[in-house]
């Protein structure tokens, strides 16, 4: 059952021009973690509206939450009718559009998924952030220096636990008697960030889509009590960055994931276990396809030297670099030159740019409705810059990306939440 009325409501209530603002109070990705845990233990709050799980059997012992990185609601709508597994989800379960958080980025959203906290609370606000324990800007989730080197090799004091504020939900879940299993690609299943943000869970790495489906099934088969499985697949996002969301390769890899789930999970799982398992599919954000030749190298602006002079200084007296991402640009500006910086940016980019000061962003609840953490206050830019159709890039190579995300367009902000009991998916 599709909740198309929810999409209409979100657009009526949250859309301003070309920008769709997060619905933190109800239909938002940030409310997925607590809600899915609430099905296993009443100490967790059901933050999503009840309609999200209407007509879905939720008297279960296990929950599988599968996150397809970058598989936004627009991509869902293009794909589900022609895909056996997705069409079963639509016909036999519920599919509800949610908004992502802001920024609609993997680094921020995955941190929300594991902690249950909004970005204003956990403070991880983009792919590029300044990390105090490293004394430098870093690439967050891979835990790399901007040069691409492992951070531990160039900054031995770098601590992945400093990437975000707050605690993993999984320690709380484990204390409530829930076995939490996190299934991620082997390349970073035991990275510093993953270890920190999934504390309390057991982690399993995998190599292929078949391995992912098999790991989910084996985890359910081995379960001896309430079990929560968080499974993560980044392939679609990785492909979209290189060539967009409408290519044959994108479609083929989606089909490979769903076929493996059907074959290795649905067709081979013990029916008695399937009857006790709720399956939830969602995404952290959608994707907007840009034209690389039209993406903007902000360091090539005629006014870049003047803009750079408005930036705050680091400990060495050098201007702070932008952080965030090309669709979520944080400029760290001196308070007395904030309006000057805003004028420069808006003049350089034109009508398709929108800017927020930090106070404006907080007033709008852009990063969430909770209390700002100290880390958020240190991380958030004084001026946040977004562009409707382009990436605003300051690092070499970023302008060559096709698929991008991080901003407020409906393509980036709307994601699906599909839910069904596993036995209802079987033939």
Protein backbone atom coordinates (compact mmCIF):
# COMPACT_ATOMS: atom_id res chain seq x y z
CA UNK A 1 0.00 0.00 0.00
CA UNK A 2 1.48 3.32 -1.06
CA UNK A 3 1.07 6.46 1.04
CA UNK A 4 0.94 8.98 -1.80
CA UNK A 5 -1.15 11.29 0.34
CA UNK A 6 1.85 11.68 2.63
CA UNK A 7 3.96 12.95 -0.26
CA UNK A 8 1.29 15.52 -1.11
CA UNK A 9 1.15 16.62 2.51
CA UNK A 10 4.93 16.91 2.79
CA UNK A 11 5.06 19.01 -0.36
CA UNK A 12 2.20 21.23 0.81
CA UNK A 13 3.64 21.75 4.28
CA UNK A 14 7.42 21.55 3.80
CA UNK A 15 8.11 22.74 0.24
CA UNK A 16 9.27 26.32 -0.22
CA UNK A 17 9.96 27.03 -3.87
CA UNK A 18 12.46 24.38 -4.94
CA UNK A 19 13.39 23.36 -1.39
CA UNK A 20 11.78 20.68 0.78
CA UNK A 21 12.54 21.11 4.47
CA UNK A 22 12.87 18.13 6.85
CA UNK A 23 9.72 17.00 8.72
CA UNK A 24 11.54 16.18 11.95
CA UNK A 25 8.32 16.06 13.98
CA UNK A 26 6.77 13.16 12.08
CA UNK A 27 7.59 11.77 8.62
CA UNK A 28 11.38 11.95 8.88
CA UNK A 29 14.23 9.49 8.51
CA UNK A 30 15.50 10.64 11.92
CA UNK A 31 12.52 8.90 13.52
CA UNK A 32 13.21 5.50 11.96
CA UNK A 33 15.72 4.14 14.52
CA UNK A 34 13.60 4.62 17.66
CA UNK A 35 10.45 3.47 15.87
CA UNK A 36 11.95 0.21 14.61
CA UNK A 37 13.46 -0.56 18.01
CA UNK A 38 10.10 0.17 19.64
CA UNK A 39 8.71 -2.92 17.92
CA UNK A 40 11.05 -5.02 20.05
CA UNK A 41 11.02 -3.10 23.33
CA UNK A 42 8.58 -0.53 24.71
CA UNK A 43 11.36 1.57 26.26
CA UNK A 44 11.94 2.96 22.76
CA UNK A 45 9.55 5.59 21.40
CA UNK A 46 7.46 5.08 18.26
CA UNK A 47 8.28 8.48 16.72
CA UNK A 48 6.98 7.84 13.21
CA UNK A 49 3.21 8.27 12.72
CA UNK A 50 1.20 5.10 13.29
CA UNK A 51 0.06 5.15 9.64
CA UNK A 52 3.57 4.14 8.54
CA UNK A 53 2.91 0.65 9.89
CA UNK A 54 -0.85 0.42 9.29
CA UNK A 55 -1.91 -3.03 8.12
CA UNK A 56 1.59 -4.41 8.75
CA UNK A 57 1.89 -7.25 11.24
CA UNK A 58 4.25 -5.85 13.90
CA UNK A 59 3.94 -8.54 16.57
CA UNK A 60 7.44 -9.75 15.78
CA UNK A 61 10.60 -10.92 17.48
CA UNK A 62 13.09 -9.72 14.86
CA UNK A 63 13.50 -6.56 12.80
CA UNK A 64 15.65 -6.28 9.68
CA UNK A 65 16.37 -2.70 8.62
CA UNK A 66 18.01 -2.60 5.18
CA UNK A 67 19.36 0.76 4.08
CA UNK A 68 20.06 1.23 0.37
CA UNK A 69 22.33 4.27 0.29
CA UNK A 70 21.09 6.89 -2.17
CA UNK A 71 17.90 5.03 -3.14
CA UNK A 72 15.58 8.02 -2.88
CA UNK A 73 11.82 8.05 -3.32
CA UNK A 74 12.17 9.21 -6.91
CA UNK A 75 14.36 6.16 -7.64
CA UNK A 76 11.87 3.92 -5.83
CA UNK A 77 9.02 5.22 -8.00
CA UNK A 78 10.99 4.53 -11.17
CA UNK A 79 11.93 1.01 -10.14
CA UNK A 80 9.31 -0.72 -8.05
CA UNK A 81 6.81 -1.77 -10.73
CA UNK A 82 9.47 -3.66 -12.71
CA UNK A 83 11.20 -5.34 -9.76
CA UNK A 84 9.71 -8.47 -8.23
CA UNK A 85 10.83 -7.83 -4.66
CA UNK A 86 10.00 -4.12 -4.65
CA UNK A 87 6.58 -4.72 -6.18
CA UNK A 88 5.85 -7.31 -3.48
CA UNK A 89 6.85 -4.75 -0.86
CA UNK A 90 4.47 -2.22 -2.40
CA UNK A 91 1.57 -4.68 -2.81
CA UNK A 92 1.86 -6.60 0.45
CA UNK A 93 3.27 -4.03 2.85
CA UNK A 94 3.27 -0.28 3.20
CA UNK A 95 5.49 2.24 1.43
CA UNK A 96 5.64 5.72 2.92
CA UNK A 97 7.71 8.70 1.77
CA UNK A 98 9.79 10.34 4.48
CA UNK A 99 12.03 13.35 4.37
CA UNK A 100 15.71 12.88 4.99
CA UNK A 101 17.50 15.03 7.51
CA UNK A 102 19.61 18.06 6.67
CA UNK A 103 22.18 17.68 5.38
CA UNK A 104 20.89 14.85 3.18
CA UNK A 105 24.32 13.24 3.35
CA UNK A 106 25.50 9.78 4.25
CA UNK A 107 27.83 10.96 7.02
CA UNK A 108 25.09 12.82 8.85
CA UNK A 109 22.27 10.36 8.14
CA UNK A 110 24.16 7.17 9.03
CA UNK A 111 25.18 8.80 12.31
CA UNK A 112 21.51 9.56 12.93
CA UNK A 113 20.62 5.95 12.07
CA UNK A 114 23.01 4.53 14.66
CA UNK A 115 22.47 7.10 17.42
CA UNK A 116 18.86 8.18 16.92
CA UNK A 117 20.05 11.79 17.18
CA UNK A 118 19.40 14.68 14.82
CA UNK A 119 22.40 16.42 13.23
CA UNK A 120 21.99 19.39 15.57
CA UNK A 121 22.59 16.93 18.41
CA UNK A 122 25.30 14.62 17.04
CA UNK A 123 27.21 17.33 15.18
CA UNK A 124 28.48 15.32 12.20
CA UNK A 125 27.40 17.72 9.47
CA UNK A 126 29.09 16.59 6.28
CA UNK A 127 31.62 14.50 4.44
CA UNK A 128 34.41 16.99 5.19
CA UNK A 129 34.76 18.16 8.79
CA UNK A 130 37.39 19.62 11.05
CA UNK A 131 38.48 17.03 13.63
CA UNK A 132 40.08 18.55 16.71
CA UNK A 133 41.99 15.44 17.76
CA UNK A 134 43.58 15.33 14.29
CA UNK A 135 44.16 19.08 14.11
CA UNK A 136 42.94 19.15 10.50
CA UNK A 137 40.01 18.74 8.12
CA UNK A 138 39.23 15.09 7.43
CA UNK A 139 37.09 12.87 5.22
CA UNK A 140 34.77 11.64 7.93
CA UNK A 141 33.39 8.13 7.43
CA UNK A 142 36.44 6.67 5.64
CA UNK A 143 38.51 8.41 8.35
CA UNK A 144 41.03 9.76 5.86
CA UNK A 145 43.15 12.86 5.55
CA UNK A 146 42.15 15.17 2.70
CA UNK A 147 45.15 13.76 0.83
CA UNK A 148 43.53 10.31 0.93
CA UNK A 149 45.99 8.82 3.41
CA UNK A 150 44.67 6.87 6.42
CA UNK A 151 44.24 9.42 9.15
CA UNK A 152 46.05 7.36 11.74
CA UNK A 153 49.22 7.51 9.63
CA UNK A 154 49.36 11.31 9.38
CA UNK A 155 47.63 12.23 12.64
CA UNK A 156 48.30 9.51 15.25
CA UNK A 157 46.17 11.28 17.87
CA UNK A 158 43.07 11.29 15.66
CA UNK A 159 40.15 9.69 17.50
CA UNK A 160 37.12 8.50 15.52
CA UNK A 161 34.98 8.86 18.63
CA UNK A 162 35.41 12.63 18.25
CA UNK A 163 33.53 12.59 14.94
CA UNK A 164 30.14 12.80 16.63
CA UNK A 165 28.48 13.62 19.95
CA UNK A 166 26.15 11.24 21.76
CA UNK A 167 26.07 7.48 22.08
CA UNK A 168 25.11 4.53 19.92
CA UNK A 169 21.53 3.30 20.33
CA UNK A 170 22.83 -0.22 20.44
CA UNK A 171 24.21 -0.15 23.97
CA UNK A 172 20.75 0.86 25.16
CA UNK A 173 19.17 -1.87 23.04
CA UNK A 174 21.56 -4.52 24.32
CA UNK A 175 20.75 -3.52 27.90
CA UNK A 176 17.08 -4.10 27.02
CA UNK A 177 17.86 -7.66 25.92
CA UNK A 178 17.98 -7.07 22.15
CA UNK A 179 20.74 -8.70 20.12
CA UNK A 180 21.94 -6.09 17.62
CA UNK A 181 23.75 -7.17 14.47
CA UNK A 182 25.25 -4.64 12.03
CA UNK A 183 26.06 -5.94 8.54
CA UNK A 184 28.28 -3.70 6.42
CA UNK A 185 30.76 -3.99 3.56
CA UNK A 186 33.94 -5.62 4.82
CA UNK A 187 36.05 -2.66 3.70
CA UNK A 188 34.80 -0.58 6.61
CA UNK A 189 32.89 -2.92 8.90
CA UNK A 190 35.63 -2.44 11.50
CA UNK A 191 36.72 1.11 10.70
CA UNK A 192 37.26 3.54 13.55
CA UNK A 193 34.02 5.36 12.81
CA UNK A 194 31.99 2.14 12.54
CA UNK A 195 33.36 0.78 15.82
CA UNK A 196 32.49 4.03 17.59
CA UNK A 197 29.01 4.55 16.18
CA UNK A 198 27.91 0.90 16.48
CA UNK A 199 29.19 0.30 20.01
CA UNK A 200 27.09 -2.42 21.61
CA UNK A 201 26.41 -4.26 18.35
CA UNK A 202 28.14 -7.20 16.73
CA UNK A 203 29.50 -6.40 13.27
CA UNK A 204 29.70 -8.60 10.18
CA UNK A 205 31.48 -7.66 6.97
CA UNK A 206 30.43 -8.81 3.51
CA UNK A 207 31.77 -8.62 -0.05
CA UNK A 208 28.88 -9.13 -2.50
CA UNK A 209 25.10 -8.65 -2.67
CA UNK A 210 24.69 -12.40 -2.23
CA UNK A 211 26.90 -12.27 0.87
CA UNK A 212 24.70 -9.49 2.26
CA UNK A 213 21.49 -11.48 1.82
CA UNK A 214 23.13 -14.62 3.17
CA UNK A 215 24.44 -12.77 6.25
CA UNK A 216 20.94 -11.47 7.02
CA UNK A 217 19.44 -14.97 6.72
CA UNK A 218 22.10 -16.64 8.85
CA UNK A 219 21.72 -13.97 11.52
CA UNK A 220 17.97 -14.62 11.70
CA UNK A 221 18.43 -18.37 11.70
CA UNK A 222 20.91 -18.15 14.58
CA UNK A 223 18.76 -15.78 16.64
CA UNK A 224 17.71 -17.03 20.06
CA UNK A 225 15.76 -13.97 21.18
CA UNK A 226 14.79 -10.45 20.07
CA UNK A 227 17.15 -9.49 17.26
CA UNK A 228 17.68 -6.25 15.38
CA UNK A 229 19.61 -6.41 12.10
CA UNK A 230 20.94 -3.21 10.57
CA UNK A 231 22.14 -3.99 7.04
CA UNK A 232 23.78 -1.38 4.82
CA UNK A 233 24.34 -1.42 1.04
CA UNK A 234 26.29 1.53 -0.45
CA UNK A 235 26.56 0.32 -4.07
CA UNK A 236 23.79 2.42 -5.63
CA UNK A 237 25.15 5.62 -4.11
CA UNK A 238 28.66 4.83 -5.32
CA UNK A 239 27.43 4.23 -8.87
CA UNK A 240 25.23 7.33 -8.87
CA UNK A 241 28.15 9.56 -7.92
CA UNK A 242 30.03 8.43 -11.01
CA UNK A 243 27.27 8.22 -13.60
CA UNK A 244 23.91 9.22 -12.14
CA UNK A 245 20.77 7.32 -11.21
CA UNK A 246 19.23 6.51 -14.61
CA UNK A 247 21.96 4.37 -16.15
CA UNK A 248 21.89 0.68 -17.02
CA UNK A 249 24.55 -0.05 -14.42
CA UNK A 250 22.50 1.57 -11.65
CA UNK A 251 19.42 -0.48 -12.65
CA UNK A 252 21.43 -3.69 -12.96
CA UNK A 253 22.96 -3.36 -9.52
CA UNK A 254 19.59 -2.62 -7.92
CA UNK A 255 18.23 -5.74 -9.64
CA UNK A 256 21.20 -7.74 -8.36
CA UNK A 257 20.58 -6.67 -4.76
CA UNK A 258 16.86 -7.44 -4.84
CA UNK A 259 17.37 -10.77 -6.67
CA UNK A 260 19.90 -11.88 -4.04
CA UNK A 261 17.53 -10.91 -1.25
CA UNK A 262 14.73 -12.86 -2.88
CA UNK A 263 16.85 -15.95 -3.52
CA UNK A 264 19.02 -16.09 -0.39
CA UNK A 265 16.63 -14.61 2.16
CA UNK A 266 12.99 -15.00 1.12
CA UNK A 267 13.17 -18.39 -0.58
CA UNK A 268 15.46 -20.09 1.93
CA UNK A 269 14.51 -18.64 5.31
CA UNK A 270 12.60 -20.95 7.64
CA UNK A 271 8.91 -19.90 7.35
CA UNK A 272 8.57 -19.93 11.13
CA UNK A 273 11.40 -17.38 11.39
CA UNK A 274 9.94 -15.30 8.55
CA UNK A 275 6.66 -15.10 10.46
CA UNK A 276 8.49 -13.52 13.39
CA UNK A 277 10.47 -10.98 11.31
CA UNK A 278 9.58 -7.49 10.12
CA UNK A 279 11.50 -6.33 7.05
CA UNK A 280 12.04 -2.59 6.59
CA UNK A 281 13.71 -1.01 3.57
CA UNK A 282 14.71 2.63 3.52
CA UNK A 283 17.36 5.08 2.30
CA UNK A 284 19.36 7.85 3.90
CA UNK A 285 18.84 10.34 1.06
CA UNK A 286 18.08 10.62 -2.62
CA UNK A 287 20.28 11.83 -5.45
CA UNK A 288 20.16 14.78 -7.83
CA UNK A 289 21.98 14.30 -11.13
CA UNK A 290 24.19 17.28 -11.93
CA UNK A 291 26.10 18.17 -15.09
CA UNK A 292 29.80 18.04 -14.17
CA UNK A 293 30.70 20.80 -16.64
CA UNK A 294 28.22 23.05 -14.83
CA UNK A 295 29.41 22.30 -11.31
CA UNK A 296 31.24 25.25 -9.81
CA UNK A 297 34.82 25.47 -8.57
CA UNK A 298 34.35 28.21 -6.00
CA UNK A 299 38.11 28.77 -5.73
CA UNK A 300 38.01 30.02 -9.34
CA UNK A 301 35.61 32.87 -8.57
CA UNK A 302 37.02 36.32 -9.20
CA UNK A 303 35.88 37.24 -5.69
CA UNK A 304 37.35 34.13 -4.04
CA UNK A 305 40.38 35.98 -2.57
CA UNK A 306 38.05 38.58 -1.05
CA UNK A 307 35.67 35.91 0.23
CA UNK A 308 38.58 33.98 1.71
CA UNK A 309 39.62 37.08 3.64
CA UNK A 310 36.27 37.00 5.48
CA UNK A 311 36.95 33.51 6.86
CA UNK A 312 37.84 32.78 10.46
CA UNK A 313 41.47 31.83 11.12
CA UNK A 314 42.81 28.52 12.36
CA UNK A 315 45.53 28.14 14.99
CA UNK A 316 48.21 28.85 12.37
CA UNK A 317 46.53 32.07 11.30
CA UNK A 318 45.36 30.59 7.98
CA UNK A 319 41.79 31.06 6.72
CA UNK A 320 39.51 28.15 7.61
CA UNK A 321 38.54 26.08 4.60
CA UNK A 322 34.90 25.32 3.79
CA UNK A 323 33.51 22.10 5.24
CA UNK A 324 30.42 20.00 4.53
CA UNK A 325 30.11 18.96 0.89
CA UNK A 326 29.46 20.48 -2.55
CA UNK A 327 25.70 20.44 -1.86
CA UNK A 328 26.04 21.54 1.77
CA UNK A 329 28.74 24.19 1.98
CA UNK A 330 29.72 25.51 5.40
CA UNK A 331 31.70 28.75 5.34
CA UNK A 332 33.38 29.70 8.60
CA UNK A 333 33.16 33.47 8.56
CA UNK A 334 34.17 36.22 10.95
CA UNK A 335 31.06 37.62 12.67
CA UNK A 336 31.75 41.18 11.54
CA UNK A 337 32.06 40.11 7.89
CA UNK A 338 29.11 37.72 7.64
CA UNK A 339 26.90 39.91 5.46
CA UNK A 340 29.86 40.76 3.25
CA UNK A 341 30.50 37.04 2.69
CA UNK A 342 26.83 36.42 1.96
CA UNK A 343 26.76 39.23 -0.62
CA UNK A 344 29.86 37.85 -2.36
CA UNK A 345 28.43 34.32 -2.56
CA UNK A 346 24.99 35.35 -3.76
CA UNK A 347 26.46 37.69 -6.38
CA UNK A 348 28.86 35.03 -7.64
CA UNK A 349 26.29 32.23 -7.96
CA UNK A 350 23.05 33.98 -8.89
CA UNK A 351 19.39 33.22 -8.32
CA UNK A 352 19.71 29.47 -7.78
CA UNK A 353 21.66 29.83 -4.54
CA UNK A 354 20.21 29.96 -1.03
CA UNK A 355 22.13 30.92 2.08
CA UNK A 356 21.44 30.55 5.80
CA UNK A 357 23.34 32.05 8.67
CA UNK A 358 23.78 29.68 11.57
CA UNK A 359 21.13 31.51 13.59
CA UNK A 360 18.72 31.37 10.64
CA UNK A 361 19.35 27.65 10.23
CA UNK A 362 18.71 27.01 13.92
CA UNK A 363 15.57 29.13 13.90
CA UNK A 364 14.25 27.11 10.95
CA UNK A 365 15.15 23.81 12.60
CA UNK A 366 17.22 22.97 9.54
CA UNK A 367 19.48 20.55 11.41
CA UNK A 368 16.79 19.33 13.80
CA UNK A 369 14.60 20.46 16.66
CA UNK A 370 16.76 19.25 19.54
CA UNK A 371 19.25 21.23 21.58
CA UNK A 372 22.48 22.06 19.73
CA UNK A 373 25.44 20.12 21.08
CA UNK A 374 28.77 21.77 21.75
CA UNK A 375 30.18 19.83 18.81
CA UNK A 376 27.46 21.21 16.53
CA UNK A 377 28.30 24.74 17.67
CA UNK A 378 31.96 24.19 16.78
CA UNK A 379 31.25 22.45 13.48
CA UNK A 380 28.38 24.39 11.93
CA UNK A 381 29.37 27.07 9.47
CA UNK A 382 28.53 30.70 10.05
CA UNK A 383 27.09 30.74 6.54
CA UNK A 384 25.54 27.63 4.92
CA UNK A 385 25.32 27.74 1.12
CA UNK A 386 23.19 25.47 -1.09
CA UNK A 387 22.57 25.50 -4.85
CA UNK A 388 19.46 24.14 -6.51
CA UNK A 389 21.12 22.31 -9.41
CA UNK A 390 24.90 22.39 -9.04
CA UNK A 391 27.70 21.35 -6.77
CA UNK A 392 29.81 24.13 -5.26
CA UNK A 393 33.24 22.52 -5.03
CA UNK A 394 36.51 23.49 -3.41
CA UNK A 395 38.34 20.14 -3.58
CA UNK A 396 39.87 18.74 -6.74
CA UNK A 397 37.73 16.04 -8.32
CA UNK A 398 34.44 16.83 -6.63
CA UNK A 399 33.17 18.84 -9.58
CA UNK A 400 33.43 15.71 -11.77
CA UNK A 401 30.73 13.89 -9.82
CA UNK A 402 27.37 13.37 -11.53
CA UNK A 403 25.06 12.22 -8.77
CA UNK A 404 25.21 14.47 -5.72
CA UNK A 405 23.26 14.99 -2.51
CA UNK A 406 23.27 16.96 0.71
CA UNK A 407 20.76 19.64 -0.16
CA UNK A 408 17.01 20.32 0.07
CA UNK A 409 15.59 19.46 -3.35
CA UNK A 410 12.77 16.86 -3.28
CA UNK A 411 15.00 14.48 -5.26
CA UNK A 412 17.52 14.52 -2.41
CA UNK A 413 15.13 14.86 0.50
CA UNK A 414 12.42 12.26 -0.13
CA UNK A 415 13.18 8.64 0.73
CA UNK A 416 10.99 5.51 0.91
CA UNK A 417 10.16 3.55 4.02
CA UNK A 418 8.80 0.14 3.02
CA UNK A 419 7.67 -2.31 5.71
CA UNK A 420 6.27 -5.84 5.61
CA UNK A 421 6.52 -9.05 7.61
CA UNK A 422 8.83 -11.43 5.80
CA UNK A 423 6.34 -14.27 5.52
CA UNK A 424 4.00 -11.91 3.64
CA UNK A 425 6.69 -11.44 0.99
CA UNK A 426 7.07 -15.14 0.29
CA UNK A 427 5.34 -16.85 -2.63
